[in-house]
Amino acid sequence: MKAFILAAISSLTLVAGPLYAQDDGYSEVVVVSGVRRSSLSGSATAVVAPPPVIGLKRQADSAVRNIEIVSDSREEAMRRQEVQTMLFDAIDRAKRNGFTLVTGQFELVEVTKANWKDLFPGLAGTEDSQDDEDDDSYDDDDDNQPPPAFEDSGSIMVVRLKVKTKLDGSIGNAQQAIDKFVKSVPATGRSQIEQTGGLALTIINPEQYRDEIYRRIAAGATHAMSFYGAEYGLDVTGLDKSIAWKQVSNTEVFLYIPYGFSIKK
């Protein structure tokens, strides 16, 4: 399942700066921290303009946390076996306990036993380990690029992915659930699993809320128009733009379209 995602931020600290999403036919999961949108090409871009007043505030759907599976065994073959074994165990336990393992910096893809070799070819031994990247970047600035999804330094092998849990309570409950899941995955040899960064929020397919946002914009514009005479007209712009979103609390997001309207004679 593809998903647009914004990188997790420590302790869910709110930040300024937007990103926008376009419905491409998939059930998209958008991870929110700050304000973001996806461009028409589907890539994520920052938006500096402040959001408008009218939009839709709702609870996020899930929370995600970055995790790493690491082995420092001496032999490369042993490191690979240990990381693979722990990854398979994590996949099985996630499926049984209502979690989802995903990879990707902005477009999330579920990690399964059927596709892990395609997602982590370096771990599978089918490609140069340096080719495994947490791809779907939105910025050409190398300083903003995430670390690769897989790498082997010659002494330490690591695979990087994310664990996702449904957000049906407080953010603290989500973190406790992820803590419990991570601790449940048994080590294999010298491998271990670690959490990194902070929690981030997800929103499923923002485009599904477009009509509701349209209704709210229409109601607001019509109300404003009611204070003027019949000789005035209403001009609404920006309704063809992509959905944007902003994190507004530990568990809530504000979805909007960067519209504008004016009242003229």
Foldseek 3Di string as FASTA:
>chain_A
DKAFEAAFAFPLDADAWAAAADDPPDFYKYWAHHKWGHDPVGAIDIDHDDADPFFDKDFFWKKKFKKKKKFQDQDPVVRLVQSVVLVQLLQVLCVVPAKFKWAANTITDTDDPVCPCVQQVVSVVNDPNCVQASDRHRDPPPVPGDDGQWDDPNRMTMGMIMMMHTPPDAVVVNVVVVVVSLVPRDGDDRIHMDTDHHMITIHIDLVVCLVVSVVRVVVVQVVVCVVDDPVKDKDKDQSPAGWMWGDDDRTMITIHTRMDMDIGD
